[in-house]
Amino acid sequence: MPAAIGTGAWSVALIVLLVMGDSLPDSERWWIGVCVTGIALGVFGFLYIPHLLHSRGERAEHAAGRTEDRSKAP
């Protein structure tokens, strides 16, 4: 959820900067690149976080399974 909120915020900021058009000073146009980078990282996080949580859950289940097997041994 935080990745989606952050991506949305960067998207809104980019839209505002693009609407400003020529009234945005040349010295401040670098903010457009910052917004695009923020959106790209947010999308990456939005796609990667579920994969990360899934793999962590599998590792925890696997570790718990090994612990249970050891406790059952004579």
N, C-alpha and C. Protein backbone atom coordinates (compact mmCIF):
# COMPACT_ATOMS: atom_id res chain seq x y z
N MET A 1 0.81 -1.21 0.00
CA MET A 1 0.00 0.00 0.00
C MET A 1 0.86 1.27 0.00
N PRO A 2 1.94 1.34 0.79
CA PRO A 2 2.76 2.56 0.77
C PRO A 2 3.36 2.83 -0.62
N ALA A 3 3.71 1.77 -1.34
CA ALA A 3 4.27 1.97 -2.68
C ALA A 3 3.22 2.59 -3.61
N ALA A 4 1.98 2.17 -3.48
CA ALA A 4 0.91 2.72 -4.32
C ALA A 4 0.65 4.18 -3.98
N ILE A 5 0.68 4.50 -2.70
CA ILE A 5 0.45 5.89 -2.28
C ILE A 5 1.58 6.78 -2.78
N GLY A 6 2.81 6.31 -2.61
CA GLY A 6 3.96 7.10 -3.08
C GLY A 6 3.95 7.28 -4.59
N THR A 7 3.62 6.23 -5.31
CA THR A 7 3.55 6.32 -6.77
C THR A 7 2.47 7.30 -7.19
N GLY A 8 1.34 7.26 -6.50
CA GLY A 8 0.27 8.21 -6.79
C GLY A 8 0.68 9.65 -6.52
N ALA A 9 1.40 9.87 -5.43
CA ALA A 9 1.86 11.22 -5.10
C ALA A 9 2.84 11.74 -6.15
N TRP A 10 3.77 10.88 -6.60
CA TRP A 10 4.70 11.30 -7.64
C TRP A 10 3.96 11.56 -8.95
N SER A 11 2.93 10.79 -9.21
CA SER A 11 2.15 10.99 -10.43
C SER A 11 1.43 12.34 -10.41
N VAL A 12 0.85 12.67 -9.27
CA VAL A 12 0.17 13.96 -9.12
C VAL A 12 1.18 15.10 -9.29
N ALA A 13 2.35 14.95 -8.67
CA ALA A 13 3.38 15.99 -8.79
C ALA A 13 3.81 16.16 -10.25
N LEU A 14 3.97 15.04 -10.96
CA LEU A 14 4.36 15.13 -12.38
C LEU A 14 3.28 15.83 -13.19
N ILE A 15 2.03 15.50 -12.93
CA ILE A 15 0.93 16.14 -13.66
C ILE A 15 0.93 17.65 -13.40
N VAL A 16 1.13 18.05 -12.16
CA VAL A 16 1.18 19.48 -11.83
C VAL A 16 2.31 20.16 -12.58
N LEU A 17 3.48 19.53 -12.59
CA LEU A 17 4.62 20.13 -13.30
C LEU A 17 4.36 20.22 -14.80
N LEU A 18 3.74 19.21 -15.37
CA LEU A 18 3.46 19.25 -16.80
C LEU A 18 2.38 20.27 -17.15
N VAL A 19 1.41 20.45 -16.25
CA VAL A 19 0.37 21.46 -16.48
C VAL A 19 0.97 22.86 -16.42
N MET A 20 1.98 23.02 -15.57
CA MET A 20 2.63 24.34 -15.47
C MET A 20 3.29 24.72 -16.78
N GLY A 21 3.72 23.74 -17.54
CA GLY A 21 4.27 23.99 -18.88
C GLY A 21 5.43 24.97 -18.89
N ASP A 22 5.29 26.01 -19.71
CA ASP A 22 6.37 26.98 -19.89
C ASP A 22 6.56 27.90 -18.70
N SER A 23 5.61 27.93 -17.78
CA SER A 23 5.77 28.79 -16.61
C SER A 23 6.76 28.19 -15.61
N LEU A 24 7.14 26.92 -15.80
CA LEU A 24 8.14 26.28 -14.95
C LEU A 24 9.52 26.74 -15.41
N PRO A 25 10.29 27.39 -14.53
CA PRO A 25 11.62 27.88 -14.94
C PRO A 25 12.53 26.73 -15.37
N ASP A 26 13.43 27.04 -16.31
CA ASP A 26 14.35 26.02 -16.81
C ASP A 26 15.20 25.42 -15.68
N SER A 27 15.50 26.22 -14.67
CA SER A 27 16.33 25.73 -13.56
C SER A 27 15.58 24.75 -12.66
N GLU A 28 14.27 24.64 -12.84
CA GLU A 28 13.47 23.73 -12.02
C GLU A 28 12.91 22.54 -12.82
N ARG A 29 13.27 22.41 -14.06
CA ARG A 29 12.75 21.32 -14.89
C ARG A 29 13.30 19.96 -14.47
N TRP A 30 14.35 19.93 -13.69
CA TRP A 30 14.90 18.66 -13.22
C TRP A 30 13.90 17.92 -12.34
N TRP A 31 12.94 18.65 -11.77
CA TRP A 31 11.92 17.99 -10.95
C TRP A 31 11.08 17.00 -11.75
N ILE A 32 10.95 17.24 -13.04
CA ILE A 32 10.20 16.31 -13.89
C ILE A 32 10.89 14.95 -13.88
N GLY A 33 12.21 14.95 -14.00
CA GLY A 33 12.98 13.71 -13.94
C GLY A 33 12.87 13.02 -12.59
N VAL A 34 12.83 13.82 -11.53
CA VAL A 34 12.67 13.26 -10.19
C VAL A 34 11.32 12.56 -10.06
N CYS A 35 10.28 13.19 -10.59
CA CYS A 35 8.94 12.59 -10.54
C CYS A 35 8.88 11.30 -11.33
N VAL A 36 9.47 11.29 -12.52
CA VAL A 36 9.48 10.08 -13.35
C VAL A 36 10.23 8.97 -12.64
N THR A 37 11.37 9.30 -12.02
CA THR A 37 12.14 8.31 -11.27
C THR A 37 11.33 7.78 -10.09
N GLY A 38 10.65 8.66 -9.38
CA GLY A 38 9.82 8.24 -8.26
C GLY A 38 8.70 7.31 -8.70
N ILE A 39 8.09 7.60 -9.83
CA ILE A 39 7.04 6.73 -10.36
C ILE A 39 7.62 5.38 -10.73
N ALA A 40 8.76 5.37 -11.41
CA ALA A 40 9.39 4.11 -11.83
C ALA A 40 9.75 3.25 -10.61
N LEU A 41 10.34 3.87 -9.59
CA LEU A 41 10.69 3.11 -8.39
C LEU A 41 9.43 2.64 -7.66
N GLY A 42 8.39 3.44 -7.66
CA GLY A 42 7.14 3.03 -7.03
C GLY A 42 6.50 1.85 -7.72
N VAL A 43 6.52 1.86 -9.05
CA VAL A 43 5.96 0.73 -9.80
C VAL A 43 6.79 -0.52 -9.54
N PHE A 44 8.12 -0.38 -9.53
CA PHE A 44 8.98 -1.51 -9.22
C PHE A 44 8.66 -2.06 -7.83
N GLY A 45 8.54 -1.17 -6.86
CA GLY A 45 8.21 -1.61 -5.50
C GLY A 45 6.84 -2.24 -5.42
N PHE A 46 5.90 -1.68 -6.13
CA PHE A 46 4.53 -2.20 -6.14
C PHE A 46 4.50 -3.63 -6.70
N LEU A 47 5.35 -3.89 -7.68
CA LEU A 47 5.40 -5.23 -8.27
C LEU A 47 6.29 -6.18 -7.47
N TYR A 48 7.35 -5.66 -6.84
CA TYR A 48 8.32 -6.51 -6.16
C TYR A 48 7.91 -6.87 -4.73
N ILE A 49 7.24 -5.99 -4.03
CA ILE A 49 6.89 -6.23 -2.63
C ILE A 49 6.06 -7.51 -2.46
N PRO A 50 5.03 -7.77 -3.26
CA PRO A 50 4.30 -9.04 -3.09
C PRO A 50 5.20 -10.26 -3.30
N HIS A 51 6.10 -10.19 -4.27
CA HIS A 51 7.04 -11.29 -4.50
C HIS A 51 7.94 -11.49 -3.29
N LEU A 52 8.43 -10.40 -2.73
CA LEU A 52 9.29 -10.46 -1.54
C LEU A 52 8.55 -11.06 -0.35
N LEU A 53 7.34 -10.62 -0.11
CA LEU A 53 6.56 -11.15 1.01
C LEU A 53 6.25 -12.63 0.83
N HIS A 54 5.95 -13.01 -0.40
CA HIS A 54 5.66 -14.43 -0.69
C HIS A 54 6.90 -15.29 -0.43
N SER A 55 8.05 -14.85 -0.91
CA SER A 55 9.25 -15.66 -0.71
C SER A 55 9.66 -15.70 0.76
N ARG A 56 9.47 -14.62 1.49
CA ARG A 56 9.76 -14.63 2.93
C ARG A 56 8.83 -15.59 3.66
N GLY A 57 7.57 -15.62 3.27
CA GLY A 57 6.62 -16.54 3.89
C GLY A 57 6.99 -17.99 3.62
N GLU A 58 7.41 -18.28 2.40
CA GLU A 58 7.82 -19.64 2.07
C GLU A 58 9.04 -20.05 2.87
N ARG A 59 10.00 -19.14 3.01
CA ARG A 59 11.20 -19.46 3.80
C ARG A 59 10.86 -19.68 5.26
N ALA A 60 9.93 -18.89 5.79
CA ALA A 60 9.53 -19.06 7.18
C ALA A 60 8.83 -20.39 7.38
N GLU A 61 7.96 -20.77 6.44
CA GLU A 61 7.29 -22.06 6.53
C GLU A 61 8.30 -23.20 6.43
N HIS A 62 9.26 -23.06 5.55
CA HIS A 62 10.28 -24.08 5.39
C HIS A 62 11.12 -24.21 6.67
N ALA A 63 11.49 -23.08 7.25
CA ALA A 63 12.27 -23.10 8.50
C ALA A 63 11.45 -23.69 9.63
N ALA A 64 10.16 -23.38 9.69
CA ALA A 64 9.30 -23.93 10.74
C ALA A 64 9.15 -25.43 10.56
N GLY A 65 9.09 -25.88 9.33
CA GLY A 65 9.01 -27.30 9.06
C GLY A 65 10.24 -28.05 9.52
N ARG A 66 11.41 -27.45 9.33
CA ARG A 66 12.66 -28.07 9.78
C ARG A 66 12.71 -28.11 11.29
N THR A 67 12.21 -27.07 11.95
CA THR A 67 12.23 -27.01 13.41
C THR A 67 11.31 -28.09 13.97
N GLU A 68 10.12 -28.26 13.37
CA GLU A 68 9.19 -29.29 13.83
C GLU A 68 9.78 -30.68 13.64
N ASP A 69 10.47 -30.90 12.52
CA ASP A 69 11.07 -32.21 12.25
C ASP A 69 12.11 -32.54 13.30
N ARG A 70 12.89 -31.56 13.72
CA ARG A 70 13.92 -31.80 14.74
C ARG A 70 13.31 -32.12 16.10
N SER A 71 12.17 -31.49 16.41
CA SER A 71 11.55 -31.73 17.70
C SER A 71 10.91 -33.12 17.77
N LYS A 72 10.57 -33.70 16.64
CA LYS A 72 9.96 -35.02 16.60
C LYS A 72 11.01 -36.15 16.63
N ALA A 73 12.26 -35.81 16.35
CA ALA A 73 13.30 -36.83 16.30
C ALA A 73 13.53 -37.40 17.72
N PRO A 74 13.86 -38.72 17.80
CA PRO A 74 14.05 -39.36 19.12
C PRO A 74 15.30 -38.90 19.82
